[in-house]
Protein backbone atom coordinates (compact mmCIF):
# COMPACT_ATOMS: atom_id res chain seq x y z
CA UNK A 1 0.00 0.00 0.00
CA UNK A 2 2.94 2.32 0.59
CA UNK A 3 4.42 1.77 -2.86
CA UNK A 4 1.52 3.35 -4.85
CA UNK A 5 1.64 6.45 -2.64
CA UNK A 6 5.40 6.77 -3.06
CA UNK A 7 5.04 6.40 -6.85
CA UNK A 8 2.26 9.02 -6.94
CA UNK A 9 4.25 11.49 -4.84
CA UNK A 10 7.34 10.94 -7.01
CA UNK A 11 5.29 11.45 -10.20
CA UNK A 12 3.73 14.65 -8.83
CA UNK A 13 7.12 15.96 -7.75
CA UNK A 14 8.69 15.25 -11.14
CA UNK A 15 5.69 16.71 -13.00
CA UNK A 16 5.70 19.86 -10.89
CA UNK A 17 9.42 20.30 -11.42
CA UNK A 18 9.10 19.90 -15.19
CA UNK A 19 6.21 22.38 -15.36
CA UNK A 20 8.04 24.89 -13.17
CA UNK A 21 11.24 24.78 -15.23
CA UNK A 22 9.24 24.91 -18.45
CA UNK A 23 7.46 28.04 -17.25
CA UNK A 24 10.73 29.72 -16.26
CA UNK A 25 12.36 28.85 -19.57
CA UNK A 26 9.39 30.09 -21.59
CA UNK A 27 9.19 33.33 -19.60
CA UNK A 28 12.85 34.17 -20.21
CA UNK A 29 12.49 33.47 -23.92
CA UNK A 30 9.47 35.79 -24.15
CA UNK A 31 11.35 38.61 -22.46
CA UNK A 32 14.31 38.20 -24.80
CA UNK A 33 12.00 38.12 -27.80
CA UNK A 34 10.22 41.31 -26.68
CA UNK A 35 13.53 43.14 -26.33
CA UNK A 36 14.46 42.43 -29.94
CA UNK A 37 11.05 43.38 -31.34
CA UNK A 38 10.88 47.21 -31.11
CA UNK A 39 12.74 47.70 -34.38
CA UNK A 40 10.61 45.07 -36.11
CA UNK A 41 7.45 46.65 -34.72
CA UNK A 42 8.52 50.03 -36.07
CA UNK A 43 9.23 48.50 -39.47
CA UNK A 44 5.78 46.84 -39.51
CA UNK A 45 4.16 50.10 -38.43
CA UNK A 46 5.99 51.94 -41.22
CA UNK A 47 4.82 49.38 -43.79
CA UNK A 48 1.23 49.71 -42.60
CA UNK A 49 1.41 53.51 -42.83
CA UNK A 50 2.81 53.24 -46.35
CA UNK A 51 -0.09 50.96 -47.32
CA UNK A 52 -2.57 53.45 -45.88
CA UNK A 53 -0.86 56.29 -47.72
CA UNK A 54 -0.97 54.37 -51.02
CA UNK A 55 -4.65 53.61 -50.47
CA UNK A 56 -5.35 57.29 -49.78
CA UNK A 57 -3.49 58.32 -52.93
CA UNK A 58 -5.49 55.79 -54.92
CA UNK A 59 -8.73 57.22 -53.54
CA UNK A 60 -7.56 60.70 -54.39
CA UNK A 61 -6.79 59.81 -57.99
CA UNK A 62 -10.16 58.05 -58.33
CA UNK A 63 -11.98 61.10 -57.01
CA UNK A 64 -10.08 63.38 -59.35
CA UNK A 65 -10.99 61.12 -62.27
CA UNK A 66 -14.63 61.17 -61.23
CA UNK A 67 -14.54 64.93 -61.03
CA UNK A 68 -12.95 65.32 -64.45
CA UNK A 69 -15.36 62.90 -66.10
CA UNK A 70 -18.41 64.17 -64.28
CA UNK A 71 -20.85 66.84 -65.33
CA UNK A 72 -22.75 66.51 -62.12
CA UNK A 73 -23.80 69.13 -59.60
CA UNK A 74 -21.86 67.34 -56.88
CA UNK A 75 -18.50 68.72 -58.03
CA UNK A 76 -18.17 70.88 -54.94
CA UNK A 77 -18.63 67.83 -52.71
CA UNK A 78 -15.98 65.95 -54.67
CA UNK A 79 -13.64 68.93 -54.36
CA UNK A 80 -14.15 68.94 -50.60
CA UNK A 81 -13.43 65.21 -50.38
CA UNK A 82 -10.29 65.66 -52.47
CA UNK A 83 -9.04 68.44 -50.21
CA UNK A 84 -9.68 66.30 -47.13
CA UNK A 85 -7.78 63.39 -48.66
CA UNK A 86 -4.89 65.66 -49.61
CA UNK A 87 -4.66 66.89 -46.01
CA UNK A 88 -4.76 63.34 -44.66
CA UNK A 89 -2.03 62.22 -47.06
CA UNK A 90 0.16 65.18 -46.13
CA UNK A 91 -0.38 64.58 -42.42
CA UNK A 92 0.63 60.93 -42.77
CA UNK A 93 3.92 61.68 -44.52
PDB file of N, CA and C in Angstrom:
ATOM      1  N   UNK A   1       0.816  -1.192   0.000  1.00  0.00           N
ATOM      2  CA  UNK A   1       0.000   0.000   0.000  1.00  0.00           C
ATOM      3  C   UNK A   1       0.862   1.259   0.000  1.00  0.00           C
ATOM      4  N   UNK A   2       2.066   1.154   0.567  1.00  0.00           N
ATOM      5  CA  UNK A   2       2.942   2.317   0.591  1.00  0.00           C
ATOM      6  C   UNK A   2       3.520   2.614  -0.786  1.00  0.00           C
ATOM      7  N   UNK A   3       3.774   1.596  -1.569  1.00  0.00           N
ATOM      8  CA  UNK A   3       4.420   1.765  -2.864  1.00  0.00           C
ATOM      9  C   UNK A   3       3.595   2.644  -3.819  1.00  0.00           C
ATOM     10  N   UNK A   4       2.281   2.470  -3.949  1.00  0.00           N
ATOM     11  CA  UNK A   4       1.519   3.346  -4.851  1.00  0.00           C
ATOM     12  C   UNK A   4       1.580   4.812  -4.423  1.00  0.00           C
ATOM     13  N   UNK A   5       1.558   5.072  -3.113  1.00  0.00           N
ATOM     14  CA  UNK A   5       1.640   6.451  -2.641  1.00  0.00           C
ATOM     15  C   UNK A   5       3.007   7.054  -2.942  1.00  0.00           C
ATOM     16  N   UNK A   6       4.044   6.287  -2.775  1.00  0.00           N
ATOM     17  CA  UNK A   6       5.396   6.773  -3.063  1.00  0.00           C
ATOM     18  C   UNK A   6       5.537   7.066  -4.556  1.00  0.00           C
ATOM     19  N   UNK A   7       4.983   6.199  -5.402  1.00  0.00           N
ATOM     20  CA  UNK A   7       5.044   6.401  -6.852  1.00  0.00           C
ATOM     21  C   UNK A   7       4.254   7.645  -7.240  1.00  0.00           C
ATOM     22  N   UNK A   8       3.077   7.840  -6.640  1.00  0.00           N
ATOM     23  CA  UNK A   8       2.258   9.021  -6.943  1.00  0.00           C
ATOM     24  C   UNK A   8       2.964  10.299  -6.514  1.00  0.00           C
ATOM     25  N   UNK A   9       3.548  10.302  -5.327  1.00  0.00           N
ATOM     26  CA  UNK A   9       4.253  11.489  -4.838  1.00  0.00           C
ATOM     27  C   UNK A   9       5.462  11.784  -5.728  1.00  0.00           C
ATOM     28  N   UNK A  10       6.188  10.744  -6.126  1.00  0.00           N
ATOM     29  CA  UNK A  10       7.340  10.938  -7.012  1.00  0.00           C
ATOM     30  C   UNK A  10       6.893  11.495  -8.366  1.00  0.00           C
ATOM     31  N   UNK A  11       5.794  10.975  -8.909  1.00  0.00           N
ATOM     32  CA  UNK A  11       5.290  11.452 -10.202  1.00  0.00           C
ATOM     33  C   UNK A  11       4.847  12.906 -10.103  1.00  0.00           C
ATOM     34  N   UNK A  12       4.154  13.264  -9.022  1.00  0.00           N
ATOM     35  CA  UNK A  12       3.728  14.648  -8.826  1.00  0.00           C
ATOM     36  C   UNK A  12       4.928  15.574  -8.677  1.00  0.00           C
ATOM     37  N   UNK A  13       5.928  15.139  -7.943  1.00  0.00           N
ATOM     38  CA  UNK A  13       7.122  15.960  -7.754  1.00  0.00           C
ATOM     39  C   UNK A  13       7.846  16.186  -9.077  1.00  0.00           C
ATOM     40  N   UNK A  14       8.015  15.130  -9.844  1.00  0.00           N
ATOM     41  CA  UNK A  14       8.694  15.254 -11.141  1.00  0.00           C
ATOM     42  C   UNK A  14       7.869  16.122 -12.094  1.00  0.00           C
ATOM     43  N   UNK A  15       6.561  15.915 -12.131  1.00  0.00           N
ATOM     44  CA  UNK A  15       5.690  16.711 -12.999  1.00  0.00           C
ATOM     45  C   UNK A  15       5.713  18.184 -12.638  1.00  0.00           C
ATOM     46  N   UNK A  16       5.657  18.475 -11.340  1.00  0.00           N
ATOM     47  CA  UNK A  16       5.695  19.861 -10.885  1.00  0.00           C
ATOM     48  C   UNK A  16       7.023  20.506 -11.247  1.00  0.00           C
ATOM     49  N   UNK A  17       8.099  19.776 -11.082  1.00  0.00           N
ATOM     50  CA  UNK A  17       9.424  20.305 -11.420  1.00  0.00           C
ATOM     51  C   UNK A  17       9.530  20.601 -12.913  1.00  0.00           C
ATOM     52  N   UNK A  18       9.051  19.689 -13.740  1.00  0.00           N
ATOM     53  CA  UNK A  18       9.103  19.895 -15.192  1.00  0.00           C
ATOM     54  C   UNK A  18       8.266  21.107 -15.588  1.00  0.00           C
ATOM     55  N   UNK A  19       7.081  21.238 -15.044  1.00  0.00           N
ATOM     56  CA  UNK A  19       6.210  22.379 -15.356  1.00  0.00           C
ATOM     57  C   UNK A  19       6.852  23.680 -14.903  1.00  0.00           C
ATOM     58  N   UNK A  20       7.422  23.690 -13.710  1.00  0.00           N
ATOM     59  CA  UNK A  20       8.044  24.892 -13.168  1.00  0.00           C
ATOM     60  C   UNK A  20       9.212  25.341 -14.040  1.00  0.00           C
ATOM     61  N   UNK A  21      10.098  24.416 -14.395  1.00  0.00           N
ATOM     62  CA  UNK A  21      11.241  24.781 -15.231  1.00  0.00           C
ATOM     63  C   UNK A  21      10.801  25.159 -16.647  1.00  0.00           C
ATOM     64  N   UNK A  22       9.774  24.535 -17.146  1.00  0.00           N
ATOM     65  CA  UNK A  22       9.244  24.913 -18.455  1.00  0.00           C
ATOM     66  C   UNK A  22       8.688  26.321 -18.443  1.00  0.00           C
ATOM     67  N   UNK A  23       8.008  26.685 -17.379  1.00  0.00           N
ATOM     68  CA  UNK A  23       7.464  28.037 -17.249  1.00  0.00           C
ATOM     69  C   UNK A  23       8.589  29.062 -17.180  1.00  0.00           C
ATOM     70  N   UNK A  24       9.609  28.788 -16.374  1.00  0.00           N
ATOM     71  CA  UNK A  24      10.729  29.723 -16.264  1.00  0.00           C
ATOM     72  C   UNK A  24      11.460  29.882 -17.591  1.00  0.00           C
ATOM     73  N   UNK A  25      11.672  28.800 -18.282  1.00  0.00           N
ATOM     74  CA  UNK A  25      12.363  28.854 -19.568  1.00  0.00           C
ATOM     75  C   UNK A  25      11.544  29.639 -20.583  1.00  0.00           C
ATOM     76  N   UNK A  26      10.267  29.403 -20.653  1.00  0.00           N
ATOM     77  CA  UNK A  26       9.393  30.095 -21.592  1.00  0.00           C
ATOM     78  C   UNK A  26       9.322  31.579 -21.269  1.00  0.00           C
ATOM     79  N   UNK A  27       9.281  31.937 -20.012  1.00  0.00           N
ATOM     80  CA  UNK A  27       9.192  33.330 -19.600  1.00  0.00           C
ATOM     81  C   UNK A  27      10.455  34.086 -20.005  1.00  0.00           C
ATOM     82  N   UNK A  28      11.612  33.513 -19.819  1.00  0.00           N
ATOM     83  CA  UNK A  28      12.853  34.171 -20.213  1.00  0.00           C
ATOM     84  C   UNK A  28      12.922  34.349 -21.719  1.00  0.00           C
ATOM     85  N   UNK A  29      12.475  33.376 -22.465  1.00  0.00           N
ATOM     86  CA  UNK A  29      12.485  33.467 -23.920  1.00  0.00           C
ATOM     87  C   UNK A  29      11.580  34.597 -24.394  1.00  0.00           C
ATOM     88  N   UNK A  30      10.405  34.738 -23.775  1.00  0.00           N
ATOM     89  CA  UNK A  30       9.473  35.785 -24.153  1.00  0.00           C
ATOM     90  C   UNK A  30      10.078  37.153 -23.891  1.00  0.00           C
ATOM     91  N   UNK A  31      10.738  37.331 -22.768  1.00  0.00           N
ATOM     92  CA  UNK A  31      11.345  38.614 -22.463  1.00  0.00           C
ATOM     93  C   UNK A  31      12.452  38.943 -23.456  1.00  0.00           C
ATOM     94  N   UNK A  32      13.255  37.978 -23.823  1.00  0.00           N
ATOM     95  CA  UNK A  32      14.315  38.195 -24.797  1.00  0.00           C
ATOM     96  C   UNK A  32      13.718  38.547 -26.152  1.00  0.00           C
ATOM     97  N   UNK A  33      12.652  37.868 -26.523  1.00  0.00           N
ATOM     98  CA  UNK A  33      11.997  38.120 -27.796  1.00  0.00           C
ATOM     99  C   UNK A  33      11.405  39.526 -27.827  1.00  0.00           C
ATOM    100  N   UNK A  34      10.818  39.982 -26.732  1.00  0.00           N
ATOM    101  CA  UNK A  34      10.222  41.306 -26.684  1.00  0.00           C
ATOM    102  C   UNK A  34      11.280  42.394 -26.771  1.00  0.00           C
ATOM    103  N   UNK A  35      12.475  42.144 -26.266  1.00  0.00           N
ATOM    104  CA  UNK A  35      13.528  43.140 -26.332  1.00  0.00           C
ATOM    105  C   UNK A  35      14.034  43.324 -27.752  1.00  0.00           C
ATOM    106  N   UNK A  36      13.971  42.316 -28.576  1.00  0.00           N
ATOM    107  CA  UNK A  36      14.460  42.429 -29.945  1.00  0.00           C
ATOM    108  C   UNK A  36      13.370  42.885 -30.914  1.00  0.00           C
ATOM    109  N   UNK A  37      12.159  43.058 -30.443  1.00  0.00           N
ATOM    110  CA  UNK A  37      11.049  43.379 -31.335  1.00  0.00           C
ATOM    111  C   UNK A  37      10.801  44.861 -31.604  1.00  0.00           C
ATOM    112  N   UNK A  38      11.264  45.827 -30.828  1.00  0.00           N
ATOM    113  CA  UNK A  38      10.876  47.210 -31.112  1.00  0.00           C
ATOM    114  C   UNK A  38      11.212  47.667 -32.532  1.00  0.00           C
ATOM    115  N   UNK A  39      12.377  47.301 -33.026  1.00  0.00           N
ATOM    116  CA  UNK A  39      12.739  47.702 -34.384  1.00  0.00           C
ATOM    117  C   UNK A  39      11.811  47.053 -35.405  1.00  0.00           C
ATOM    118  N   UNK A  40      11.516  45.766 -35.194  1.00  0.00           N
ATOM    119  CA  UNK A  40      10.614  45.069 -36.112  1.00  0.00           C
ATOM    120  C   UNK A  40       9.211  45.664 -36.046  1.00  0.00           C
ATOM    121  N   UNK A  41       8.773  46.032 -34.852  1.00  0.00           N
ATOM    122  CA  UNK A  41       7.450  46.645 -34.715  1.00  0.00           C
ATOM    123  C   UNK A  41       7.396  47.977 -35.453  1.00  0.00           C
ATOM    124  N   UNK A  42       8.477  48.759 -35.347  1.00  0.00           N
ATOM    125  CA  UNK A  42       8.517  50.028 -36.071  1.00  0.00           C
ATOM    126  C   UNK A  42       8.506  49.807 -37.580  1.00  0.00           C
ATOM    127  N   UNK A  43       9.219  48.796 -38.033  1.00  0.00           N
ATOM    128  CA  UNK A  43       9.226  48.495 -39.465  1.00  0.00           C
ATOM    129  C   UNK A  43       7.831  48.085 -39.941  1.00  0.00           C
ATOM    130  N   UNK A  44       7.145  47.249 -39.154  1.00  0.00           N
ATOM    131  CA  UNK A  44       5.781  46.835 -39.512  1.00  0.00           C
ATOM    132  C   UNK A  44       4.837  48.028 -39.507  1.00  0.00           C
ATOM    133  N   UNK A  45       4.996  48.908 -38.522  1.00  0.00           N
ATOM    134  CA  UNK A  45       4.160  50.105 -38.433  1.00  0.00           C
ATOM    135  C   UNK A  45       4.396  50.995 -39.654  1.00  0.00           C
ATOM    136  N   UNK A  46       5.656  51.134 -40.048  1.00  0.00           N
ATOM    137  CA  UNK A  46       5.993  51.941 -41.218  1.00  0.00           C
ATOM    138  C   UNK A  46       5.356  51.354 -42.475  1.00  0.00           C
ATOM    139  N   UNK A  47       5.422  50.036 -42.623  1.00  0.00           N
ATOM    140  CA  UNK A  47       4.821  49.382 -43.790  1.00  0.00           C
ATOM    141  C   UNK A  47       3.315  49.602 -43.825  1.00  0.00           C
ATOM    142  N   UNK A  48       2.674  49.504 -42.659  1.00  0.00           N
ATOM    143  CA  UNK A  48       1.226  49.712 -42.602  1.00  0.00           C
ATOM    144  C   UNK A  48       0.875  51.154 -42.967  1.00  0.00           C
ATOM    145  N   UNK A  49       1.662  52.108 -42.475  1.00  0.00           N
ATOM    146  CA  UNK A  49       1.411  53.506 -42.827  1.00  0.00           C
ATOM    147  C   UNK A  49       1.607  53.749 -44.322  1.00  0.00           C
ATOM    148  N   UNK A  50       2.597  53.103 -44.907  1.00  0.00           N
ATOM    149  CA  UNK A  50       2.807  53.244 -46.345  1.00  0.00           C
ATOM    150  C   UNK A  50       1.634  52.669 -47.130  1.00  0.00           C
ATOM    151  N   UNK A  51       1.088  51.541 -46.661  1.00  0.00           N
ATOM    152  CA  UNK A  51      -0.086  50.958 -47.322  1.00  0.00           C
ATOM    153  C   UNK A  51      -1.275  51.907 -47.235  1.00  0.00           C
ATOM    154  N   UNK A  52      -1.463  52.511 -46.057  1.00  0.00           N
ATOM    155  CA  UNK A  52      -2.570  53.454 -45.883  1.00  0.00           C
ATOM    156  C   UNK A  52      -2.378  54.653 -46.793  1.00  0.00           C
ATOM    157  N   UNK A  53      -1.151  55.147 -46.868  1.00  0.00           N
ATOM    158  CA  UNK A  53      -0.863  56.292 -47.721  1.00  0.00           C
ATOM    159  C   UNK A  53      -1.118  55.961 -49.187  1.00  0.00           C
ATOM    160  N   UNK A  54      -0.711  54.780 -49.634  1.00  0.00           N
ATOM    161  CA  UNK A  54      -0.967  54.369 -51.015  1.00  0.00           C
ATOM    162  C   UNK A  54      -2.466  54.262 -51.285  1.00  0.00           C
ATOM    163  N   UNK A  55      -3.196  53.726 -50.314  1.00  0.00           N
ATOM    164  CA  UNK A  55      -4.647  53.612 -50.471  1.00  0.00           C
ATOM    165  C   UNK A  55      -5.275  54.998 -50.578  1.00  0.00           C
ATOM    166  N   UNK A  56      -4.816  55.933 -49.738  1.00  0.00           N
ATOM    167  CA  UNK A  56      -5.351  57.291 -49.785  1.00  0.00           C
ATOM    168  C   UNK A  56      -5.031  57.966 -51.111  1.00  0.00           C
ATOM    169  N   UNK A  57      -3.838  57.745 -51.630  1.00  0.00           N
ATOM    170  CA  UNK A  57      -3.490  58.318 -52.928  1.00  0.00           C
ATOM    171  C   UNK A  57      -4.337  57.716 -54.045  1.00  0.00           C
ATOM    172  N   UNK A  58      -4.628  56.435 -53.934  1.00  0.00           N
ATOM    173  CA  UNK A  58      -5.488  55.788 -54.924  1.00  0.00           C
ATOM    174  C   UNK A  58      -6.891  56.395 -54.874  1.00  0.00           C
ATOM    175  N   UNK A  59      -7.419  56.595 -53.670  1.00  0.00           N
ATOM    176  CA  UNK A  59      -8.733  57.224 -53.539  1.00  0.00           C
ATOM    177  C   UNK A  59      -8.727  58.623 -54.129  1.00  0.00           C
ATOM    178  N   UNK A  60      -7.664  59.345 -53.871  1.00  0.00           N
ATOM    179  CA  UNK A  60      -7.558  60.701 -54.391  1.00  0.00           C
ATOM    180  C   UNK A  60      -7.578  60.709 -55.917  1.00  0.00           C
ATOM    181  N   UNK A  61      -6.813  59.836 -56.521  1.00  0.00           N
ATOM    182  CA  UNK A  61      -6.793  59.805 -57.990  1.00  0.00           C
ATOM    183  C   UNK A  61      -8.151  59.381 -58.550  1.00  0.00           C
ATOM    184  N   UNK A  62      -8.830  58.454 -57.878  1.00  0.00           N
ATOM    185  CA  UNK A  62     -10.162  58.045 -58.329  1.00  0.00           C
ATOM    186  C   UNK A  62     -11.150  59.201 -58.236  1.00  0.00           C
ATOM    187  N   UNK A  63     -11.079  59.953 -57.149  1.00  0.00           N
ATOM    188  CA  UNK A  63     -11.979  61.099 -57.009  1.00  0.00           C
ATOM    189  C   UNK A  63     -11.681  62.171 -58.048  1.00  0.00           C
ATOM    190  N   UNK A  64     -10.425  62.395 -58.317  1.00  0.00           N
ATOM    191  CA  UNK A  64     -10.078  63.376 -59.346  1.00  0.00           C
ATOM    192  C   UNK A  64     -10.584  62.926 -60.711  1.00  0.00           C
ATOM    193  N   UNK A  65     -10.468  61.640 -60.999  1.00  0.00           N
ATOM    194  CA  UNK A  65     -10.990  61.116 -62.266  1.00  0.00           C
ATOM    195  C   UNK A  65     -12.504  61.275 -62.346  1.00  0.00           C
ATOM    196  N   UNK A  66     -13.177  60.997 -61.245  1.00  0.00           N
ATOM    197  CA  UNK A  66     -14.633  61.173 -61.229  1.00  0.00           C
ATOM    198  C   UNK A  66     -14.999  62.627 -61.487  1.00  0.00           C
ATOM    199  N   UNK A  67     -14.239  63.511 -60.883  1.00  0.00           N
ATOM    200  CA  UNK A  67     -14.543  64.930 -61.030  1.00  0.00           C
ATOM    201  C   UNK A  67     -14.317  65.387 -62.471  1.00  0.00           C
ATOM    202  N   UNK A  68     -13.251  64.925 -63.071  1.00  0.00           N
ATOM    203  CA  UNK A  68     -12.948  65.320 -64.445  1.00  0.00           C
ATOM    204  C   UNK A  68     -13.999  64.765 -65.409  1.00  0.00           C
ATOM    205  N   UNK A  69     -14.408  63.552 -65.194  1.00  0.00           N
ATOM    206  CA  UNK A  69     -15.355  62.899 -66.100  1.00  0.00           C
ATOM    207  C   UNK A  69     -16.812  63.163 -65.743  1.00  0.00           C
ATOM    208  N   UNK A  70     -17.042  63.955 -64.745  1.00  0.00           N
ATOM    209  CA  UNK A  70     -18.406  64.168 -64.282  1.00  0.00           C
ATOM    210  C   UNK A  70     -18.915  65.539 -64.708  1.00  0.00           C
ATOM    211  N   UNK A  71     -20.177  65.578 -65.050  1.00  0.00           N
ATOM    212  CA  UNK A  71     -20.850  66.839 -65.325  1.00  0.00           C
ATOM    213  C   UNK A  71     -21.997  66.977 -64.342  1.00  0.00           C
ATOM    214  N   UNK A  72     -21.728  66.593 -63.147  1.00  0.00           N
ATOM    215  CA  UNK A  72     -22.748  66.510 -62.117  1.00  0.00           C
ATOM    216  C   UNK A  72     -22.693  67.752 -61.238  1.00  0.00           C
ATOM    217  N   UNK A  73     -23.754  67.987 -60.507  1.00  0.00           N
ATOM    218  CA  UNK A  73     -23.798  69.131 -59.602  1.00  0.00           C
ATOM    219  C   UNK A  73     -23.052  68.869 -58.301  1.00  0.00           C
ATOM    220  N   UNK A  74     -22.553  67.674 -58.122  1.00  0.00           N
ATOM    221  CA  UNK A  74     -21.862  67.337 -56.875  1.00  0.00           C
ATOM    222  C   UNK A  74     -20.355  67.590 -56.959  1.00  0.00           C
ATOM    223  N   UNK A  75     -19.928  68.438 -57.878  1.00  0.00           N
ATOM    224  CA  UNK A  75     -18.502  68.724 -58.025  1.00  0.00           C
ATOM    225  C   UNK A  75     -17.924  69.384 -56.779  1.00  0.00           C
ATOM    226  N   UNK A  76     -18.690  70.222 -56.149  1.00  0.00           N
ATOM    227  CA  UNK A  76     -18.174  70.878 -54.938  1.00  0.00           C
ATOM    228  C   UNK A  76     -17.939  69.860 -53.823  1.00  0.00           C
ATOM    229  N   UNK A  77     -18.824  68.884 -53.715  1.00  0.00           N
ATOM    230  CA  UNK A  77     -18.631  67.835 -52.707  1.00  0.00           C
ATOM    231  C   UNK A  77     -17.383  67.014 -53.026  1.00  0.00           C
ATOM    232  N   UNK A  78     -17.180  66.687 -54.283  1.00  0.00           N
ATOM    233  CA  UNK A  78     -15.976  65.951 -54.675  1.00  0.00           C
ATOM    234  C   UNK A  78     -14.722  66.771 -54.390  1.00  0.00           C
ATOM    235  N   UNK A  79     -14.785  68.070 -54.659  1.00  0.00           N
ATOM    236  CA  UNK A  79     -13.639  68.929 -54.357  1.00  0.00           C
ATOM    237  C   UNK A  79     -13.329  68.931 -52.865  1.00  0.00           C
ATOM    238  N   UNK A  80     -14.357  68.972 -52.047  1.00  0.00           N
ATOM    239  CA  UNK A  80     -14.151  68.937 -50.595  1.00  0.00           C
ATOM    240  C   UNK A  80     -13.522  67.615 -50.168  1.00  0.00           C
ATOM    241  N   UNK A  81     -13.998  66.517 -50.722  1.00  0.00           N
ATOM    242  CA  UNK A  81     -13.430  65.213 -50.380  1.00  0.00           C
ATOM    243  C   UNK A  81     -11.976  65.115 -50.828  1.00  0.00           C
ATOM    244  N   UNK A  82     -11.673  65.679 -51.976  1.00  0.00           N
ATOM    245  CA  UNK A  82     -10.294  65.665 -52.468  1.00  0.00           C
ATOM    246  C   UNK A  82      -9.394  66.472 -51.543  1.00  0.00           C
ATOM    247  N   UNK A  83      -9.844  67.618 -51.113  1.00  0.00           N
ATOM    248  CA  UNK A  83      -9.040  68.439 -50.207  1.00  0.00           C
ATOM    249  C   UNK A  83      -8.809  67.731 -48.873  1.00  0.00           C
ATOM    250  N   UNK A  84      -9.830  67.056 -48.384  1.00  0.00           N
ATOM    251  CA  UNK A  84      -9.681  66.304 -47.128  1.00  0.00           C
ATOM    252  C   UNK A  84      -8.657  65.194 -47.307  1.00  0.00           C
ATOM    253  N   UNK A  85      -8.752  64.460 -48.404  1.00  0.00           N
ATOM    254  CA  UNK A  85      -7.783  63.386 -48.656  1.00  0.00           C
ATOM    255  C   UNK A  85      -6.368  63.928 -48.815  1.00  0.00           C
ATOM    256  N   UNK A  86      -6.222  65.066 -49.467  1.00  0.00           N
ATOM    257  CA  UNK A  86      -4.886  65.656 -49.608  1.00  0.00           C
ATOM    258  C   UNK A  86      -4.306  66.013 -48.242  1.00  0.00           C
ATOM    259  N   UNK A  87      -5.137  66.562 -47.359  1.00  0.00           N
ATOM    260  CA  UNK A  87      -4.660  66.892 -46.006  1.00  0.00           C
ATOM    261  C   UNK A  87      -4.261  65.644 -45.235  1.00  0.00           C
ATOM    262  N   UNK A  88      -5.074  64.593 -45.360  1.00  0.00           N
ATOM    263  CA  UNK A  88      -4.765  63.344 -44.656  1.00  0.00           C
ATOM    264  C   UNK A  88      -3.455  62.752 -45.169  1.00  0.00           C
ATOM    265  N   UNK A  89      -3.268  62.762 -46.475  1.00  0.00           N
ATOM    266  CA  UNK A  89      -2.033  62.224 -47.056  1.00  0.00           C
ATOM    267  C   UNK A  89      -0.832  63.031 -46.589  1.00  0.00           C
ATOM    268  N   UNK A  90      -0.957  64.347 -46.584  1.00  0.00           N
ATOM    269  CA  UNK A  90       0.163  65.181 -46.135  1.00  0.00           C
ATOM    270  C   UNK A  90       0.443  64.999 -44.650  1.00  0.00           C
ATOM    271  N   UNK A  91      -0.581  64.805 -43.856  1.00  0.00           N
ATOM    272  CA  UNK A  91      -0.382  64.581 -42.418  1.00  0.00           C
ATOM    273  C   UNK A  91       0.300  63.253 -42.145  1.00  0.00           C
ATOM    274  N   UNK A  92       0.053  62.259 -42.982  1.00  0.00           N
ATOM    275  CA  UNK A  92       0.630  60.929 -42.765  1.00  0.00           C
ATOM    276  C   UNK A  92       2.064  60.812 -43.258  1.00  0.00           C
ATOM    277  N   UNK A  93       2.543  61.784 -43.998  1.00  0.00           N
ATOM    278  CA  UNK A  93       3.916  61.685 -44.522  1.00  0.00           C
ATOM    279  C   UNK A  93       4.927  61.941 -43.455  1.00  0.00           C
TER     280      UNK A  93
END
